[in-house]
Amino acid sequence: MNVVSTKVLVLHGPNLNLLGERETGIYGQVTLADIDSQLSALAADLDAELQIHQSNHEGELVDLIHQARTWADAIVINPGAFTHYSIALHDALRAVALPVVEVHLSNIHAREEFRHRSVIAPVALGQLSGFGPDSYLLGLRAALEAVKRSRAAHP
């Protein structure tokens, strides 16, 4: 039997490039490179291929989502501050119709009131927040499992 590798786009939104030095009391000492390394190792173990990108620019993230429709099987996204107001990201994710898992390092529901609302959640399979870097790893596992279920249902 020929096993098809699952392809996943991982997107990091604004300010995540400063992990490890920005608000370490909230986000910890882990860097974005550390998270990417952990994701890549897990993907290799699970026979998945990742494309990982970080951008502080909403339009660039939208472009990457649009491009994913031609090659990706799923998307894992930490939209950062765009979580709370980016209808452009919401619409792009809805338009590509890929399974989406939203992740956050901190528990956005235990923080400032404005962080409690996600405009991404309605187009995501689910949201993982508050588990630090493990949010990404759990999110990747959830995305891969969603693709696996979909393939089993539609061979």
N, C-alpha and C. Protein backbone atom coordinates (compact mmCIF):
# COMPACT_ATOMS: atom_id res chain seq x y z
N MET A 1 0.84 -1.18 0.00
CA MET A 1 0.00 0.00 0.00
C MET A 1 0.89 1.24 0.00
N ASN A 2 0.55 2.18 -0.84
CA ASN A 2 1.31 3.42 -0.95
C ASN A 2 0.79 4.43 0.07
N VAL A 3 1.62 4.83 1.02
CA VAL A 3 1.23 5.79 2.04
C VAL A 3 1.48 7.20 1.51
N VAL A 4 0.45 8.01 1.59
CA VAL A 4 0.54 9.38 1.12
C VAL A 4 0.92 10.27 2.31
N SER A 5 2.01 11.00 2.17
CA SER A 5 2.43 11.92 3.21
C SER A 5 1.45 13.09 3.29
N THR A 6 1.15 13.50 4.49
CA THR A 6 0.25 14.62 4.70
C THR A 6 1.06 15.91 4.73
N LYS A 7 0.57 16.90 4.00
CA LYS A 7 1.27 18.19 3.90
C LYS A 7 0.50 19.24 4.70
N VAL A 8 1.24 19.93 5.57
CA VAL A 8 0.62 20.89 6.48
C VAL A 8 1.34 22.22 6.40
N LEU A 9 0.55 23.28 6.27
CA LEU A 9 1.07 24.64 6.37
C LEU A 9 0.97 25.07 7.82
N VAL A 10 2.08 25.51 8.40
CA VAL A 10 2.09 26.05 9.75
C VAL A 10 2.38 27.54 9.64
N LEU A 11 1.48 28.34 10.18
CA LEU A 11 1.63 29.80 10.12
C LEU A 11 1.74 30.38 11.52
N HIS A 12 2.74 31.25 11.68
CA HIS A 12 2.93 32.01 12.91
C HIS A 12 2.64 33.48 12.57
N GLY A 13 1.77 34.09 13.33
CA GLY A 13 1.41 35.48 13.07
C GLY A 13 2.34 36.49 13.70
N PRO A 14 1.84 37.73 13.83
CA PRO A 14 2.69 38.84 14.25
C PRO A 14 3.27 38.68 15.65
N ASN A 15 4.50 39.15 15.76
CA ASN A 15 5.28 39.22 17.00
C ASN A 15 5.79 37.88 17.49
N LEU A 16 5.41 36.79 16.84
CA LEU A 16 5.89 35.49 17.29
C LEU A 16 7.36 35.30 16.98
N ASN A 17 7.90 36.11 16.09
CA ASN A 17 9.34 36.09 15.82
C ASN A 17 10.14 36.55 17.04
N LEU A 18 9.48 37.18 18.00
CA LEU A 18 10.16 37.68 19.20
C LEU A 18 10.05 36.73 20.39
N LEU A 19 9.52 35.54 20.16
CA LEU A 19 9.41 34.58 21.26
C LEU A 19 10.78 34.33 21.88
N GLY A 20 10.78 34.16 23.19
CA GLY A 20 12.03 33.95 23.92
C GLY A 20 12.57 35.23 24.51
N GLU A 21 12.13 36.37 23.97
CA GLU A 21 12.55 37.65 24.53
C GLU A 21 11.37 38.56 24.83
N ARG A 22 10.21 38.28 24.27
CA ARG A 22 9.01 39.10 24.44
C ARG A 22 8.12 38.50 25.53
N GLU A 23 7.82 39.27 26.55
CA GLU A 23 6.88 38.87 27.59
C GLU A 23 7.08 37.42 28.02
N THR A 24 8.28 37.12 28.49
CA THR A 24 8.62 35.74 28.84
C THR A 24 7.78 35.21 30.00
N GLY A 25 7.21 36.07 30.79
CA GLY A 25 6.31 35.63 31.86
C GLY A 25 5.04 35.02 31.32
N ILE A 26 4.66 35.42 30.12
CA ILE A 26 3.46 34.88 29.47
C ILE A 26 3.83 33.77 28.49
N TYR A 27 4.85 34.02 27.67
CA TYR A 27 5.16 33.11 26.56
C TYR A 27 6.33 32.19 26.82
N GLY A 28 7.06 32.42 27.90
CA GLY A 28 8.18 31.55 28.24
C GLY A 28 9.46 31.89 27.49
N GLN A 29 10.46 31.04 27.68
CA GLN A 29 11.79 31.25 27.11
C GLN A 29 11.95 30.63 25.73
N VAL A 30 11.01 29.82 25.32
CA VAL A 30 11.12 29.11 24.04
C VAL A 30 11.13 30.12 22.88
N THR A 31 11.95 29.83 21.88
CA THR A 31 12.00 30.69 20.70
C THR A 31 11.15 30.08 19.59
N LEU A 32 10.91 30.87 18.57
CA LEU A 32 10.17 30.36 17.42
C LEU A 32 10.96 29.25 16.73
N ALA A 33 12.28 29.40 16.69
CA ALA A 33 13.12 28.34 16.10
C ALA A 33 12.98 27.04 16.89
N ASP A 34 12.86 27.13 18.22
CA ASP A 34 12.64 25.94 19.05
C ASP A 34 11.33 25.26 18.68
N ILE A 35 10.27 26.05 18.56
CA ILE A 35 8.96 25.50 18.20
C ILE A 35 9.01 24.86 16.83
N ASP A 36 9.61 25.55 15.87
CA ASP A 36 9.71 25.00 14.52
C ASP A 36 10.49 23.69 14.51
N SER A 37 11.53 23.61 15.30
CA SER A 37 12.33 22.39 15.39
C SER A 37 11.51 21.24 15.98
N GLN A 38 10.75 21.53 17.04
CA GLN A 38 9.89 20.52 17.64
C GLN A 38 8.82 20.05 16.65
N LEU A 39 8.24 20.99 15.93
CA LEU A 39 7.22 20.64 14.92
C LEU A 39 7.82 19.77 13.82
N SER A 40 9.00 20.14 13.36
CA SER A 40 9.64 19.37 12.29
C SER A 40 9.97 17.95 12.73
N ALA A 41 10.43 17.81 13.98
CA ALA A 41 10.75 16.48 14.50
C ALA A 41 9.48 15.63 14.61
N LEU A 42 8.41 16.21 15.11
CA LEU A 42 7.15 15.47 15.22
C LEU A 42 6.62 15.11 13.83
N ALA A 43 6.69 16.04 12.90
CA ALA A 43 6.22 15.77 11.53
C ALA A 43 7.00 14.61 10.92
N ALA A 44 8.30 14.58 11.12
CA ALA A 44 9.10 13.47 10.59
C ALA A 44 8.67 12.14 11.19
N ASP A 45 8.38 12.14 12.50
CA ASP A 45 7.93 10.92 13.17
C ASP A 45 6.57 10.46 12.65
N LEU A 46 5.74 11.41 12.23
CA LEU A 46 4.37 11.09 11.81
C LEU A 46 4.20 11.08 10.29
N ASP A 47 5.31 11.09 9.56
CA ASP A 47 5.29 11.06 8.10
C ASP A 47 4.48 12.21 7.51
N ALA A 48 4.74 13.40 8.01
CA ALA A 48 4.09 14.60 7.50
C ALA A 48 5.15 15.55 6.97
N GLU A 49 4.75 16.34 6.00
CA GLU A 49 5.62 17.38 5.46
C GLU A 49 5.07 18.74 5.87
N LEU A 50 5.96 19.60 6.34
CA LEU A 50 5.55 20.93 6.79
C LEU A 50 6.17 22.02 5.94
N GLN A 51 5.41 23.07 5.75
CA GLN A 51 5.95 24.35 5.32
C GLN A 51 5.60 25.30 6.46
N ILE A 52 6.62 25.96 7.00
CA ILE A 52 6.44 26.81 8.17
C ILE A 52 6.81 28.24 7.80
N HIS A 53 5.93 29.17 8.14
CA HIS A 53 6.17 30.58 7.83
C HIS A 53 5.73 31.45 9.01
N GLN A 54 6.44 32.53 9.21
CA GLN A 54 6.04 33.56 10.18
C GLN A 54 5.98 34.88 9.44
N SER A 55 4.95 35.66 9.74
CA SER A 55 4.88 37.00 9.17
C SER A 55 4.16 37.93 10.12
N ASN A 56 4.61 39.17 10.10
CA ASN A 56 3.94 40.24 10.84
C ASN A 56 2.93 40.96 9.96
N HIS A 57 2.74 40.47 8.73
CA HIS A 57 1.91 41.16 7.74
C HIS A 57 0.70 40.31 7.36
N GLU A 58 -0.46 40.86 7.61
CA GLU A 58 -1.72 40.15 7.35
C GLU A 58 -1.83 39.68 5.91
N GLY A 59 -1.52 40.55 4.96
CA GLY A 59 -1.64 40.20 3.55
C GLY A 59 -0.73 39.05 3.15
N GLU A 60 0.46 38.99 3.72
CA GLU A 60 1.38 37.89 3.43
C GLU A 60 0.80 36.57 3.94
N LEU A 61 0.20 36.59 5.11
CA LEU A 61 -0.43 35.38 5.65
C LEU A 61 -1.60 34.95 4.76
N VAL A 62 -2.39 35.90 4.30
CA VAL A 62 -3.50 35.60 3.38
C VAL A 62 -2.95 34.95 2.11
N ASP A 63 -1.89 35.51 1.55
CA ASP A 63 -1.30 34.93 0.33
C ASP A 63 -0.83 33.49 0.58
N LEU A 64 -0.21 33.23 1.71
CA LEU A 64 0.26 31.88 2.02
C LEU A 64 -0.91 30.91 2.16
N ILE A 65 -1.99 31.37 2.76
CA ILE A 65 -3.19 30.54 2.87
C ILE A 65 -3.76 30.23 1.49
N HIS A 66 -3.84 31.23 0.65
CA HIS A 66 -4.34 31.02 -0.72
C HIS A 66 -3.48 30.00 -1.46
N GLN A 67 -2.18 30.12 -1.35
CA GLN A 67 -1.27 29.18 -2.02
C GLN A 67 -1.43 27.76 -1.50
N ALA A 68 -1.78 27.63 -0.23
CA ALA A 68 -1.91 26.31 0.39
C ALA A 68 -3.01 25.48 -0.25
N ARG A 69 -3.99 26.11 -0.85
CA ARG A 69 -5.09 25.35 -1.44
C ARG A 69 -4.63 24.43 -2.55
N THR A 70 -3.46 24.70 -3.14
CA THR A 70 -2.97 23.88 -4.25
C THR A 70 -2.04 22.76 -3.81
N TRP A 71 -1.61 22.75 -2.54
CA TRP A 71 -0.66 21.73 -2.13
C TRP A 71 -0.89 21.15 -0.74
N ALA A 72 -1.51 21.89 0.16
CA ALA A 72 -1.61 21.46 1.56
C ALA A 72 -2.86 20.63 1.81
N ASP A 73 -2.76 19.79 2.84
CA ASP A 73 -3.90 19.00 3.30
C ASP A 73 -4.55 19.62 4.52
N ALA A 74 -3.82 20.49 5.24
CA ALA A 74 -4.33 21.11 6.46
C ALA A 74 -3.48 22.32 6.80
N ILE A 75 -4.01 23.14 7.71
CA ILE A 75 -3.31 24.34 8.18
C ILE A 75 -3.36 24.37 9.70
N VAL A 76 -2.20 24.65 10.31
CA VAL A 76 -2.11 24.94 11.74
C VAL A 76 -1.68 26.39 11.83
N ILE A 77 -2.46 27.19 12.55
CA ILE A 77 -2.18 28.63 12.57
C ILE A 77 -2.26 29.20 13.98
N ASN A 78 -1.24 29.99 14.32
CA ASN A 78 -1.28 30.85 15.48
C ASN A 78 -1.36 32.26 14.90
N PRO A 79 -2.57 32.82 14.83
CA PRO A 79 -2.73 34.13 14.19
C PRO A 79 -2.23 35.30 15.03
N GLY A 80 -1.76 35.03 16.26
CA GLY A 80 -1.31 36.13 17.11
C GLY A 80 -2.44 37.14 17.30
N ALA A 81 -2.11 38.39 17.28
CA ALA A 81 -3.11 39.44 17.49
C ALA A 81 -4.19 39.45 16.41
N PHE A 82 -3.89 38.91 15.24
CA PHE A 82 -4.91 38.85 14.17
C PHE A 82 -6.09 37.96 14.57
N THR A 83 -5.90 37.12 15.58
CA THR A 83 -6.95 36.25 16.09
C THR A 83 -8.23 37.02 16.35
N HIS A 84 -8.09 38.22 16.87
CA HIS A 84 -9.21 38.94 17.45
C HIS A 84 -9.93 39.87 16.48
N TYR A 85 -9.35 40.08 15.27
CA TYR A 85 -10.01 41.02 14.39
C TYR A 85 -9.81 40.79 12.90
N SER A 86 -9.04 39.81 12.50
CA SER A 86 -8.73 39.69 11.08
C SER A 86 -9.79 38.91 10.31
N ILE A 87 -10.73 39.64 9.78
CA ILE A 87 -11.74 39.04 8.91
C ILE A 87 -11.07 38.56 7.63
N ALA A 88 -9.98 39.20 7.23
CA ALA A 88 -9.25 38.77 6.03
C ALA A 88 -8.70 37.35 6.22
N LEU A 89 -8.11 37.05 7.37
CA LEU A 89 -7.63 35.69 7.63
C LEU A 89 -8.80 34.72 7.73
N HIS A 90 -9.85 35.11 8.41
CA HIS A 90 -11.06 34.29 8.52
C HIS A 90 -11.56 33.91 7.13
N ASP A 91 -11.72 34.91 6.28
CA ASP A 91 -12.25 34.67 4.93
C ASP A 91 -11.31 33.81 4.09
N ALA A 92 -10.01 34.03 4.21
CA ALA A 92 -9.04 33.23 3.45
C ALA A 92 -9.10 31.77 3.88
N LEU A 93 -9.14 31.54 5.19
CA LEU A 93 -9.21 30.16 5.70
C LEU A 93 -10.51 29.49 5.26
N ARG A 94 -11.59 30.22 5.29
CA ARG A 94 -12.87 29.66 4.84
C ARG A 94 -12.82 29.35 3.34
N ALA A 95 -12.21 30.22 2.58
CA ALA A 95 -12.18 30.07 1.12
C ALA A 95 -11.39 28.84 0.67
N VAL A 96 -10.30 28.51 1.36
CA VAL A 96 -9.48 27.39 0.90
C VAL A 96 -10.06 26.04 1.32
N ALA A 97 -10.97 26.06 2.28
CA ALA A 97 -11.71 24.86 2.68
C ALA A 97 -10.81 23.69 3.09
N LEU A 98 -9.71 24.00 3.76
CA LEU A 98 -8.82 22.97 4.32
C LEU A 98 -9.10 22.85 5.82
N PRO A 99 -8.84 21.70 6.42
CA PRO A 99 -8.95 21.62 7.87
C PRO A 99 -7.97 22.59 8.53
N VAL A 100 -8.46 23.35 9.49
CA VAL A 100 -7.65 24.37 10.18
C VAL A 100 -7.70 24.10 11.67
N VAL A 101 -6.52 24.17 12.30
CA VAL A 101 -6.44 24.10 13.76
C VAL A 101 -5.78 25.40 14.22
N GLU A 102 -6.46 26.09 15.12
CA GLU A 102 -5.95 27.35 15.69
C GLU A 102 -5.21 27.04 16.98
N VAL A 103 -4.02 27.60 17.13
CA VAL A 103 -3.22 27.36 18.33
C VAL A 103 -2.74 28.68 18.94
N HIS A 104 -2.55 28.63 20.25
CA HIS A 104 -2.01 29.77 21.00
C HIS A 104 -1.15 29.24 22.14
N LEU A 105 -0.05 29.89 22.38
CA LEU A 105 0.83 29.50 23.48
C LEU A 105 0.17 29.74 24.84
N SER A 106 -0.44 30.90 24.99
CA SER A 106 -1.08 31.25 26.26
C SER A 106 -2.58 30.94 26.17
N ASN A 107 -3.22 30.88 27.32
CA ASN A 107 -4.66 30.68 27.36
C ASN A 107 -5.32 32.03 27.11
N ILE A 108 -5.74 32.26 25.88
CA ILE A 108 -6.29 33.57 25.52
C ILE A 108 -7.57 33.89 26.29
N HIS A 109 -8.25 32.87 26.81
CA HIS A 109 -9.49 33.09 27.54
C HIS A 109 -9.25 33.46 29.00
N ALA A 110 -8.01 33.37 29.46
CA ALA A 110 -7.66 33.75 30.83
C ALA A 110 -6.90 35.08 30.86
N ARG A 111 -6.87 35.74 29.70
CA ARG A 111 -6.12 36.99 29.62
C ARG A 111 -7.09 38.16 29.48
N GLU A 112 -6.62 39.27 28.93
CA GLU A 112 -7.44 40.47 28.81
C GLU A 112 -8.72 40.15 28.01
N GLU A 113 -9.77 40.85 28.36
CA GLU A 113 -11.08 40.63 27.75
C GLU A 113 -11.02 40.65 26.22
N PHE A 114 -10.27 41.58 25.64
CA PHE A 114 -10.24 41.69 24.18
C PHE A 114 -9.65 40.46 23.52
N ARG A 115 -8.89 39.66 24.26
CA ARG A 115 -8.29 38.45 23.70
C ARG A 115 -9.22 37.24 23.73
N HIS A 116 -10.36 37.36 24.37
CA HIS A 116 -11.26 36.23 24.53
C HIS A 116 -11.98 35.87 23.23
N ARG A 117 -12.12 36.80 22.33
CA ARG A 117 -12.85 36.56 21.08
C ARG A 117 -11.89 36.20 19.96
N SER A 118 -12.19 35.11 19.27
CA SER A 118 -11.42 34.71 18.09
C SER A 118 -12.33 34.73 16.88
N VAL A 119 -11.93 35.49 15.86
CA VAL A 119 -12.67 35.46 14.60
C VAL A 119 -12.20 34.30 13.72
N ILE A 120 -11.16 33.61 14.15
CA ILE A 120 -10.64 32.45 13.43
C ILE A 120 -11.38 31.18 13.86
N ALA A 121 -11.75 31.08 15.12
CA ALA A 121 -12.37 29.87 15.67
C ALA A 121 -13.55 29.36 14.85
N PRO A 122 -14.43 30.21 14.32
CA PRO A 122 -15.56 29.68 13.56
C PRO A 122 -15.18 28.93 12.27
N VAL A 123 -13.97 29.12 11.78
CA VAL A 123 -13.55 28.41 10.56
C VAL A 123 -12.50 27.34 10.87
N ALA A 124 -12.28 27.09 12.16
CA ALA A 124 -11.30 26.09 12.59
C ALA A 124 -12.02 24.84 13.10
N LEU A 125 -11.34 23.70 12.98
CA LEU A 125 -11.86 22.47 13.58
C LEU A 125 -11.89 22.61 15.10
N GLY A 126 -10.89 23.32 15.62
CA GLY A 126 -10.79 23.52 17.05
C GLY A 126 -9.66 24.46 17.38
N GLN A 127 -9.56 24.76 18.66
CA GLN A 127 -8.56 25.72 19.14
C GLN A 127 -7.85 25.11 20.34
N LEU A 128 -6.53 25.17 20.32
CA LEU A 128 -5.71 24.72 21.44
C LEU A 128 -4.97 25.92 21.98
N SER A 129 -5.17 26.22 23.26
CA SER A 129 -4.48 27.37 23.83
C SER A 129 -4.10 27.08 25.27
N GLY A 130 -2.99 27.69 25.67
CA GLY A 130 -2.57 27.61 27.05
C GLY A 130 -1.57 26.51 27.36
N PHE A 131 -1.13 25.77 26.37
CA PHE A 131 -0.21 24.67 26.61
C PHE A 131 1.21 25.00 26.17
N GLY A 132 1.51 26.28 25.99
CA GLY A 132 2.84 26.68 25.55
C GLY A 132 3.15 26.04 24.20
N PRO A 133 4.40 25.66 23.97
CA PRO A 133 4.77 25.05 22.68
C PRO A 133 3.99 23.78 22.36
N ASP A 134 3.52 23.08 23.41
CA ASP A 134 2.73 21.88 23.17
C ASP A 134 1.44 22.18 22.43
N SER A 135 0.94 23.42 22.52
CA SER A 135 -0.26 23.77 21.75
C SER A 135 -0.02 23.50 20.26
N TYR A 136 1.16 23.84 19.79
CA TYR A 136 1.49 23.59 18.38
C TYR A 136 1.56 22.09 18.08
N LEU A 137 2.21 21.34 18.97
CA LEU A 137 2.37 19.90 18.74
C LEU A 137 1.03 19.19 18.78
N LEU A 138 0.18 19.57 19.73
CA LEU A 138 -1.16 19.01 19.80
C LEU A 138 -1.98 19.43 18.57
N GLY A 139 -1.78 20.66 18.15
CA GLY A 139 -2.48 21.16 16.96
C GLY A 139 -2.08 20.40 15.71
N LEU A 140 -0.80 20.11 15.57
CA LEU A 140 -0.34 19.34 14.42
C LEU A 140 -0.94 17.94 14.45
N ARG A 141 -0.93 17.32 15.61
CA ARG A 141 -1.53 15.98 15.73
C ARG A 141 -3.01 16.01 15.36
N ALA A 142 -3.72 17.03 15.83
CA ALA A 142 -5.15 17.15 15.53
C ALA A 142 -5.39 17.35 14.04
N ALA A 143 -4.57 18.17 13.40
CA ALA A 143 -4.72 18.39 11.96
C ALA A 143 -4.46 17.11 11.17
N LEU A 144 -3.42 16.38 11.55
CA LEU A 144 -3.09 15.13 10.86
C LEU A 144 -4.19 14.09 11.05
N GLU A 145 -4.75 14.03 12.25
CA GLU A 145 -5.84 13.08 12.51
C GLU A 145 -7.08 13.45 11.69
N ALA A 146 -7.36 14.74 11.54
CA ALA A 146 -8.50 15.17 10.73
C ALA A 146 -8.33 14.76 9.27
N VAL A 147 -7.13 14.92 8.75
CA VAL A 147 -6.86 14.52 7.37
C VAL A 147 -7.00 13.01 7.23
N LYS A 148 -6.48 12.28 8.20
CA LYS A 148 -6.57 10.81 8.18
C LYS A 148 -8.03 10.37 8.17
N ARG A 149 -8.85 10.94 9.01
CA ARG A 149 -10.29 10.60 9.06
C ARG A 149 -10.97 10.92 7.74
N SER A 150 -10.62 12.07 7.18
CA SER A 150 -11.21 12.47 5.90
C SER A 150 -10.84 11.51 4.78
N ARG A 151 -9.58 11.11 4.76
CA ARG A 151 -9.12 10.16 3.72
C ARG A 151 -9.81 8.81 3.89
N ALA A 152 -10.02 8.39 5.13
CA ALA A 152 -10.68 7.11 5.38
C ALA A 152 -12.15 7.16 4.94
N ALA A 153 -12.77 8.32 5.14
CA ALA A 153 -14.18 8.47 4.78
C ALA A 153 -14.38 8.64 3.28
N HIS A 154 -13.34 9.13 2.59
CA HIS A 154 -13.40 9.39 1.15
C HIS A 154 -12.18 8.81 0.46
N PRO A 155 -12.09 7.46 0.42
CA PRO A 155 -10.88 6.84 -0.16
C PRO A 155 -10.70 7.12 -1.64
